[in-house]
N, C-alpha and C. Protein backbone atom coordinates (compact mmCIF):
# COMPACT_ATOMS: atom_id res chain seq x y z
N MET A 1 2.73 -18.55 18.28
CA MET A 1 1.96 -17.38 18.33
C MET A 1 1.90 -16.65 17.01
N SER A 2 0.81 -16.15 16.51
CA SER A 2 0.78 -15.41 15.27
C SER A 2 0.79 -13.99 15.81
N ARG A 3 0.75 -13.02 14.76
CA ARG A 3 0.82 -11.67 15.26
C ARG A 3 -0.48 -11.21 15.83
N ARG A 4 -1.54 -11.99 15.84
CA ARG A 4 -2.82 -11.55 16.43
C ARG A 4 -3.31 -12.54 17.38
N GLY A 5 -2.61 -13.61 17.86
CA GLY A 5 -3.18 -14.49 18.86
C GLY A 5 -2.18 -15.37 19.44
N ALA A 6 -2.50 -16.07 20.53
CA ALA A 6 -1.64 -16.93 21.29
C ALA A 6 -2.44 -18.09 21.79
N TRP A 7 -1.93 -19.26 21.80
CA TRP A 7 -2.49 -20.43 22.50
C TRP A 7 -2.16 -20.38 23.90
N ILE A 8 -3.06 -20.42 24.81
CA ILE A 8 -2.87 -20.54 26.21
C ILE A 8 -3.31 -21.79 26.79
N ARG A 9 -2.41 -22.45 27.56
CA ARG A 9 -2.70 -23.80 28.15
C ARG A 9 -2.84 -23.60 29.64
N GLY A 10 -3.93 -24.10 30.11
CA GLY A 10 -4.10 -24.06 31.63
C GLY A 10 -4.91 -25.28 31.99
N SER A 11 -5.76 -25.14 33.12
CA SER A 11 -6.44 -26.11 33.52
C SER A 11 -7.69 -26.45 32.67
N LEU A 12 -8.12 -25.51 31.96
CA LEU A 12 -9.18 -25.60 30.90
C LEU A 12 -8.58 -26.04 29.55
N PRO A 13 -9.43 -26.37 28.58
CA PRO A 13 -8.78 -26.69 27.33
C PRO A 13 -8.12 -25.53 26.81
N ILE A 14 -7.32 -25.77 25.85
CA ILE A 14 -6.43 -24.80 25.23
C ILE A 14 -7.41 -23.64 24.60
N LEU A 15 -7.08 -22.42 24.87
CA LEU A 15 -7.84 -21.27 24.40
C LEU A 15 -6.94 -20.40 23.61
N LYS A 16 -7.61 -19.89 22.60
CA LYS A 16 -6.85 -18.78 21.83
C LYS A 16 -7.35 -17.53 22.23
N ILE A 17 -6.35 -16.52 22.63
CA ILE A 17 -6.74 -15.27 23.14
C ILE A 17 -6.17 -14.37 22.11
N ALA A 18 -6.73 -13.15 21.88
CA ALA A 18 -6.20 -12.10 20.99
C ALA A 18 -5.18 -11.30 21.68
N MET A 19 -4.09 -11.13 20.92
CA MET A 19 -2.96 -10.27 21.36
C MET A 19 -2.53 -9.47 20.17
N ILE A 20 -2.34 -8.24 20.39
CA ILE A 20 -1.96 -7.30 19.40
C ILE A 20 -0.43 -7.15 19.47
N CYS A 21 0.21 -7.27 18.36
CA CYS A 21 1.71 -7.04 18.41
C CYS A 21 1.92 -5.50 18.10
N GLU A 22 2.54 -4.81 19.11
CA GLU A 22 2.70 -3.38 18.88
C GLU A 22 3.62 -3.00 17.66
N PHE A 23 4.68 -3.87 17.32
CA PHE A 23 5.49 -3.56 16.13
C PHE A 23 4.88 -3.99 14.91
N CYS A 24 3.89 -4.82 14.85
CA CYS A 24 3.09 -5.09 13.65
C CYS A 24 2.02 -3.89 13.39
N GLU A 25 1.46 -3.44 14.43
CA GLU A 25 0.55 -2.32 14.37
C GLU A 25 1.04 -0.98 14.29
N GLN A 26 2.17 -0.67 14.88
CA GLN A 26 2.74 0.69 14.92
C GLN A 26 4.22 0.64 14.47
N THR A 27 4.66 1.85 14.22
CA THR A 27 6.10 1.91 13.76
C THR A 27 7.09 1.68 14.84
N GLY A 28 6.75 2.02 16.13
CA GLY A 28 7.68 1.71 17.31
C GLY A 28 8.46 2.90 17.58
N GLY A 29 8.33 4.05 17.12
CA GLY A 29 9.14 5.15 17.33
C GLY A 29 9.20 6.06 15.98
N ARG A 30 10.01 7.12 16.08
CA ARG A 30 10.17 8.00 14.84
C ARG A 30 10.95 7.35 13.78
N LEU A 31 10.41 7.20 12.60
CA LEU A 31 11.04 6.49 11.62
C LEU A 31 12.30 7.26 11.03
N LEU A 32 13.46 6.50 11.14
CA LEU A 32 14.71 7.13 10.62
C LEU A 32 15.13 6.59 9.35
N TRP A 33 14.82 5.26 9.06
CA TRP A 33 15.37 4.61 7.94
C TRP A 33 14.49 3.35 7.81
N GLN A 34 14.35 2.82 6.61
CA GLN A 34 13.65 1.49 6.39
C GLN A 34 13.95 0.89 4.95
N ASN A 35 13.95 -0.43 4.91
CA ASN A 35 13.95 -1.07 3.63
C ASN A 35 12.76 -2.08 3.61
N ASP A 36 12.82 -3.01 2.72
CA ASP A 36 11.69 -3.95 2.61
C ASP A 36 11.71 -5.00 3.72
N ARG A 37 12.82 -5.07 4.50
CA ARG A 37 12.86 -6.12 5.55
C ARG A 37 12.78 -5.51 7.09
N CYS A 38 13.44 -4.36 7.23
CA CYS A 38 13.45 -3.86 8.53
C CYS A 38 13.42 -2.36 8.63
N ARG A 39 13.20 -1.83 9.83
CA ARG A 39 13.26 -0.34 9.94
C ARG A 39 14.06 0.12 11.19
N ILE A 40 14.52 1.30 11.16
CA ILE A 40 15.24 1.84 12.35
C ILE A 40 14.39 3.03 12.79
N VAL A 41 14.05 2.99 14.09
CA VAL A 41 13.25 4.16 14.68
C VAL A 41 13.98 4.65 15.82
N LEU A 42 13.73 5.93 16.00
CA LEU A 42 14.27 6.71 17.24
C LEU A 42 13.20 6.64 18.28
N VAL A 43 13.55 6.18 19.47
CA VAL A 43 12.65 6.00 20.62
C VAL A 43 12.69 7.46 21.27
N GLU A 44 11.54 8.00 21.52
CA GLU A 44 11.34 9.36 22.22
C GLU A 44 11.51 9.04 23.74
N ASP A 45 12.73 9.06 24.32
CA ASP A 45 13.04 8.89 25.70
C ASP A 45 13.94 9.97 26.13
N PRO A 46 13.41 10.87 26.90
CA PRO A 46 14.27 12.05 27.25
C PRO A 46 15.49 11.70 28.08
N ASP A 47 15.49 10.60 28.84
CA ASP A 47 16.67 10.14 29.63
C ASP A 47 17.70 9.39 28.77
N TYR A 48 17.32 8.98 27.54
CA TYR A 48 18.25 8.25 26.68
C TYR A 48 18.11 8.71 25.27
N PRO A 49 18.60 9.94 25.00
CA PRO A 49 18.54 10.54 23.66
C PRO A 49 19.38 9.60 22.64
N GLY A 50 18.83 9.31 21.54
CA GLY A 50 19.55 8.45 20.65
C GLY A 50 19.03 7.06 20.60
N PHE A 51 18.34 6.69 21.52
CA PHE A 51 17.83 5.25 21.88
C PHE A 51 17.13 4.89 20.51
N CYS A 52 17.66 3.93 19.85
CA CYS A 52 17.09 3.36 18.47
C CYS A 52 16.66 1.90 18.73
N ARG A 53 15.61 1.56 17.95
CA ARG A 53 15.17 0.21 17.78
C ARG A 53 15.44 -0.13 16.31
N VAL A 54 15.92 -1.32 16.14
CA VAL A 54 15.97 -1.92 14.77
C VAL A 54 14.85 -2.96 14.69
N ILE A 55 13.86 -2.85 13.96
CA ILE A 55 12.68 -3.82 14.04
C ILE A 55 12.60 -4.55 12.69
N TRP A 56 12.49 -5.87 12.77
CA TRP A 56 12.25 -6.66 11.61
C TRP A 56 10.77 -6.39 11.24
N LYS A 57 10.43 -6.27 9.94
CA LYS A 57 9.12 -5.85 9.58
C LYS A 57 8.04 -6.91 9.65
N HIS A 58 8.47 -8.13 9.58
CA HIS A 58 7.54 -9.21 9.55
C HIS A 58 7.53 -9.89 10.99
N HIS A 59 6.39 -10.44 11.41
CA HIS A 59 6.30 -10.95 12.82
C HIS A 59 7.04 -12.22 12.88
N VAL A 60 8.26 -12.04 13.54
CA VAL A 60 9.17 -13.15 13.86
C VAL A 60 9.68 -13.02 15.28
N ARG A 61 9.70 -14.15 15.94
CA ARG A 61 10.05 -14.09 17.45
C ARG A 61 11.49 -14.17 17.79
N GLU A 62 12.31 -15.03 17.03
CA GLU A 62 13.68 -15.29 17.40
C GLU A 62 14.55 -15.01 16.22
N MET A 63 15.73 -14.71 16.44
CA MET A 63 16.77 -14.71 15.28
C MET A 63 16.98 -15.85 14.55
N THR A 64 16.85 -17.02 15.19
CA THR A 64 16.99 -18.21 14.48
C THR A 64 15.74 -18.69 13.61
N ASP A 65 14.75 -17.89 13.71
CA ASP A 65 13.62 -18.00 12.84
C ASP A 65 13.86 -17.43 11.42
N LEU A 66 14.92 -16.55 11.34
CA LEU A 66 15.30 -16.02 10.17
C LEU A 66 16.26 -16.86 9.31
N SER A 67 16.34 -16.87 8.00
CA SER A 67 17.36 -17.50 7.23
C SER A 67 18.70 -16.84 7.58
N LYS A 68 19.77 -17.66 7.29
CA LYS A 68 21.15 -17.09 7.63
C LYS A 68 21.26 -15.81 6.88
N ARG A 69 20.81 -15.65 5.73
CA ARG A 69 21.01 -14.51 4.87
C ARG A 69 20.25 -13.29 5.50
N ASN A 70 19.00 -13.56 5.90
CA ASN A 70 18.28 -12.39 6.60
C ASN A 70 18.91 -12.09 7.93
N ARG A 71 19.48 -13.09 8.76
CA ARG A 71 20.11 -12.74 9.95
C ARG A 71 21.38 -11.88 9.71
N ALA A 72 22.13 -12.13 8.79
CA ALA A 72 23.33 -11.29 8.46
C ALA A 72 22.91 -9.91 7.89
N HIS A 73 21.82 -9.84 7.19
CA HIS A 73 21.32 -8.62 6.80
C HIS A 73 20.76 -7.75 8.07
N PHE A 74 19.99 -8.34 8.88
CA PHE A 74 19.45 -7.70 10.10
C PHE A 74 20.61 -7.04 10.90
N MET A 75 21.59 -8.02 11.19
CA MET A 75 22.71 -7.58 11.99
C MET A 75 23.54 -6.44 11.40
N SER A 76 23.54 -6.44 10.08
CA SER A 76 24.34 -5.38 9.35
C SER A 76 23.59 -4.02 9.65
N ILE A 77 22.31 -4.09 9.76
CA ILE A 77 21.55 -2.89 10.00
C ILE A 77 21.78 -2.43 11.41
N VAL A 78 21.77 -3.41 12.35
CA VAL A 78 21.99 -3.11 13.77
C VAL A 78 23.41 -2.49 13.96
N PHE A 79 24.45 -3.05 13.28
CA PHE A 79 25.72 -2.41 13.31
C PHE A 79 25.85 -1.12 12.78
N ALA A 80 25.07 -0.83 11.70
CA ALA A 80 25.05 0.46 11.00
C ALA A 80 24.35 1.53 11.98
N ALA A 81 23.41 1.06 12.67
CA ALA A 81 22.73 1.92 13.75
C ALA A 81 23.75 2.27 14.81
N GLU A 82 24.48 1.30 15.19
CA GLU A 82 25.50 1.49 16.36
C GLU A 82 26.60 2.48 15.75
N GLU A 83 27.05 2.23 14.66
CA GLU A 83 28.17 3.10 13.96
C GLU A 83 27.65 4.58 13.89
N SER A 84 26.30 4.66 13.50
CA SER A 84 25.80 6.04 13.30
C SER A 84 25.58 6.82 14.53
N LEU A 85 25.20 6.03 15.64
CA LEU A 85 25.02 6.71 16.99
C LEU A 85 26.45 7.04 17.55
N ARG A 86 27.43 6.26 17.30
CA ARG A 86 28.83 6.57 17.77
C ARG A 86 29.44 7.78 17.02
N ALA A 87 29.08 7.82 15.72
CA ALA A 87 29.66 9.00 15.06
C ALA A 87 28.99 10.24 15.34
N THR A 88 27.52 10.19 15.64
CA THR A 88 26.70 11.30 15.86
C THR A 88 26.85 11.83 17.26
N MET A 89 26.97 10.90 18.28
CA MET A 89 26.81 11.27 19.64
C MET A 89 28.17 11.12 20.43
N GLN A 90 28.99 10.30 20.05
CA GLN A 90 30.25 9.98 20.77
C GLN A 90 29.91 9.53 22.27
N PRO A 91 28.98 8.57 22.45
CA PRO A 91 28.67 8.12 23.78
C PRO A 91 29.86 7.38 24.42
N ASP A 92 29.82 7.11 25.76
CA ASP A 92 30.82 6.39 26.45
C ASP A 92 30.69 4.86 26.06
N LYS A 93 29.52 4.31 25.74
CA LYS A 93 29.22 3.04 25.45
C LYS A 93 27.97 3.00 24.68
N ILE A 94 27.85 1.82 23.89
CA ILE A 94 26.60 1.50 23.19
C ILE A 94 26.15 0.15 23.75
N ASN A 95 24.96 0.06 24.10
CA ASN A 95 24.35 -1.19 24.52
C ASN A 95 23.45 -1.71 23.39
N LEU A 96 23.65 -3.02 23.18
CA LEU A 96 22.84 -3.72 22.21
C LEU A 96 22.02 -4.75 22.97
N ALA A 97 20.70 -4.77 22.74
CA ALA A 97 19.84 -5.74 23.51
C ALA A 97 18.82 -6.26 22.63
N SER A 98 18.53 -7.53 22.64
CA SER A 98 17.40 -8.27 21.96
C SER A 98 16.76 -9.02 22.88
N LEU A 99 15.64 -8.51 23.63
CA LEU A 99 15.03 -9.27 24.67
C LEU A 99 13.59 -9.79 24.03
N GLY A 100 12.71 -9.09 23.74
CA GLY A 100 11.40 -9.60 23.26
C GLY A 100 10.59 -10.22 24.21
N ASN A 101 10.78 -10.08 25.50
CA ASN A 101 9.96 -10.59 26.54
C ASN A 101 8.63 -10.00 26.68
N MET A 102 8.58 -8.63 26.51
CA MET A 102 7.34 -7.91 26.48
C MET A 102 6.66 -7.86 25.21
N THR A 103 7.47 -7.69 24.10
CA THR A 103 6.99 -7.61 22.70
C THR A 103 7.71 -8.75 21.88
N PRO A 104 7.10 -9.89 21.74
CA PRO A 104 7.73 -11.01 21.08
C PRO A 104 7.77 -10.84 19.57
N HIS A 105 8.31 -9.73 19.17
CA HIS A 105 8.47 -9.47 17.74
C HIS A 105 9.93 -9.03 17.55
N LEU A 106 10.75 -9.69 16.70
CA LEU A 106 12.15 -9.42 16.59
C LEU A 106 12.54 -7.89 16.42
N HIS A 107 13.28 -7.51 17.49
CA HIS A 107 13.89 -6.18 17.33
C HIS A 107 15.12 -6.01 18.23
N TRP A 108 15.96 -5.09 17.90
CA TRP A 108 17.16 -4.98 18.80
C TRP A 108 17.05 -3.38 19.22
N HIS A 109 17.49 -3.33 20.51
CA HIS A 109 17.58 -1.96 21.25
C HIS A 109 19.11 -1.59 20.82
N VAL A 110 19.31 -0.35 20.42
CA VAL A 110 20.67 0.27 20.21
C VAL A 110 20.68 1.46 21.10
N ILE A 111 21.42 1.40 22.16
CA ILE A 111 21.27 2.53 23.23
C ILE A 111 22.58 3.22 23.57
N PRO A 112 22.76 4.45 23.12
CA PRO A 112 23.87 5.16 23.65
C PRO A 112 23.87 5.47 25.12
N ARG A 113 25.06 5.15 25.72
CA ARG A 113 25.15 5.35 27.16
C ARG A 113 26.21 6.33 27.51
N VAL A 114 25.97 7.05 28.53
CA VAL A 114 27.11 7.93 29.18
C VAL A 114 27.20 7.52 30.55
N VAL A 115 28.39 7.77 31.12
CA VAL A 115 28.74 7.16 32.52
C VAL A 115 27.96 7.93 33.56
N ASP A 116 27.24 9.00 33.34
CA ASP A 116 26.46 9.66 34.31
C ASP A 116 24.95 9.63 34.08
N ASP A 117 24.54 8.63 33.16
CA ASP A 117 23.11 8.47 32.93
C ASP A 117 22.51 7.81 34.10
N LYS A 118 21.14 7.86 34.27
CA LYS A 118 20.38 7.30 35.37
C LYS A 118 20.76 5.99 35.92
N HIS A 119 21.17 5.07 34.91
CA HIS A 119 21.28 3.61 35.19
C HIS A 119 22.70 3.16 35.06
N PHE A 120 23.61 3.96 34.55
CA PHE A 120 25.01 3.35 34.25
C PHE A 120 25.66 2.93 35.61
N PRO A 121 26.33 1.90 35.60
CA PRO A 121 26.63 0.90 34.45
C PRO A 121 25.75 -0.13 34.29
N GLY A 122 24.55 -0.13 34.92
CA GLY A 122 23.46 -1.17 34.81
C GLY A 122 22.70 -0.94 33.57
N PRO A 123 21.76 -1.91 33.29
CA PRO A 123 20.85 -1.74 32.17
C PRO A 123 19.91 -0.65 32.36
N ILE A 124 19.37 -0.11 31.28
CA ILE A 124 18.46 1.08 31.52
C ILE A 124 17.12 0.60 32.15
N TRP A 125 16.94 -0.68 32.03
CA TRP A 125 15.59 -1.25 32.72
C TRP A 125 15.83 -1.57 34.12
N GLY A 126 16.98 -1.40 34.76
CA GLY A 126 17.30 -1.74 36.08
C GLY A 126 16.94 -0.55 37.06
N PRO A 127 17.42 -0.65 38.37
CA PRO A 127 17.11 0.37 39.26
C PRO A 127 17.93 1.57 38.97
N VAL A 128 17.33 2.71 39.18
CA VAL A 128 17.91 4.11 38.94
C VAL A 128 18.97 4.32 39.99
N LYS A 129 20.20 4.70 39.53
CA LYS A 129 21.35 4.93 40.36
C LYS A 129 21.45 6.28 40.74
N ARG A 130 21.06 7.25 39.94
CA ARG A 130 21.30 8.68 40.19
C ARG A 130 20.30 9.51 39.28
N GLN A 131 20.28 10.76 39.51
CA GLN A 131 19.56 11.56 38.62
C GLN A 131 20.60 12.08 37.71
N SER A 132 20.23 12.13 36.42
CA SER A 132 21.38 12.44 35.48
C SER A 132 21.16 13.91 34.89
N PRO A 133 22.14 14.51 34.42
CA PRO A 133 21.99 15.85 33.86
C PRO A 133 21.20 15.78 32.55
N SER A 134 20.50 16.82 32.32
CA SER A 134 19.83 16.76 30.98
C SER A 134 20.88 16.96 29.89
N ARG A 135 20.57 16.26 28.80
CA ARG A 135 21.40 16.29 27.61
C ARG A 135 20.72 17.07 26.52
N ASN A 136 21.54 17.87 25.76
CA ASN A 136 21.01 18.53 24.71
C ASN A 136 21.35 17.99 23.30
N PHE A 137 21.02 16.66 23.12
CA PHE A 137 21.26 15.95 21.91
C PHE A 137 19.98 16.08 21.08
N ALA A 138 18.83 16.34 21.66
CA ALA A 138 17.67 16.13 20.91
C ALA A 138 17.44 17.12 19.80
N ASN A 139 18.08 18.31 19.96
CA ASN A 139 17.94 19.33 18.81
C ASN A 139 18.58 18.80 17.53
N GLY A 140 17.74 18.41 16.50
CA GLY A 140 18.28 18.02 15.30
C GLY A 140 18.92 16.56 15.22
N LEU A 141 18.78 15.87 16.36
CA LEU A 141 19.38 14.47 16.48
C LEU A 141 18.72 13.60 15.47
N ALA A 142 17.42 13.57 15.26
CA ALA A 142 16.91 12.57 14.25
C ALA A 142 17.43 12.88 12.93
N ASP A 143 17.66 14.23 12.59
CA ASP A 143 18.15 14.55 11.19
C ASP A 143 19.56 14.01 11.08
N ARG A 144 20.38 14.29 12.12
CA ARG A 144 21.83 13.92 12.05
C ARG A 144 21.91 12.35 12.06
N LEU A 145 21.11 11.64 12.75
CA LEU A 145 21.21 10.19 12.74
C LEU A 145 20.71 9.74 11.43
N GLY A 146 19.58 10.26 10.80
CA GLY A 146 19.10 9.85 9.50
C GLY A 146 20.21 10.02 8.46
N THR A 147 20.93 11.14 8.46
CA THR A 147 22.03 11.39 7.49
C THR A 147 23.14 10.29 7.69
N ALA A 148 23.47 10.13 8.95
CA ALA A 148 24.62 9.12 9.14
C ALA A 148 24.18 7.68 8.72
N LEU A 149 22.91 7.42 8.98
CA LEU A 149 22.33 6.10 8.52
C LEU A 149 22.40 5.95 6.94
N LEU A 150 21.94 7.03 6.28
CA LEU A 150 21.97 7.06 4.84
C LEU A 150 23.36 6.79 4.33
N ILE A 151 24.36 7.46 4.82
CA ILE A 151 25.77 7.18 4.51
C ILE A 151 26.13 5.72 4.66
N ARG A 152 25.74 5.07 5.66
CA ARG A 152 26.23 3.78 6.03
C ARG A 152 25.38 2.71 5.34
N LEU A 153 24.13 3.09 4.98
CA LEU A 153 23.15 2.08 4.42
C LEU A 153 22.99 2.33 2.95
N ALA A 154 23.63 3.15 2.33
CA ALA A 154 23.38 3.61 0.88
C ALA A 154 23.83 2.35 0.03
């Protein structure tokens, strides 16, 4: 698949259909940090304040599509995002996930978790287990995370 199309095989001859990659076309959240290869964005999710994505800037589907050097660089950025979230928010747990089933463009989810969030201990995409109390992390969170990232990625 390219960033704008996919080959579909069925009972008819192979057809090429247009598909738009959301991470090629959009930032994917509020931009916190970027370099020439990747960016870190804050996902605006009121249930999961601090939810970040680390997105590879070029359309790549799998980690093994990257060179070893680029894999190491990308993961160092994921780890810097995790460290920054831990320092800024002190969550009970950080979840790291790289799925790409819905958006086949290489990206990692870095999600701070607390024991009374809606889905804990399950994944945030699973069934809701409870209503969670509202959290007051949003006020200035992007600025605090941006500062923490700059310290780690300078």
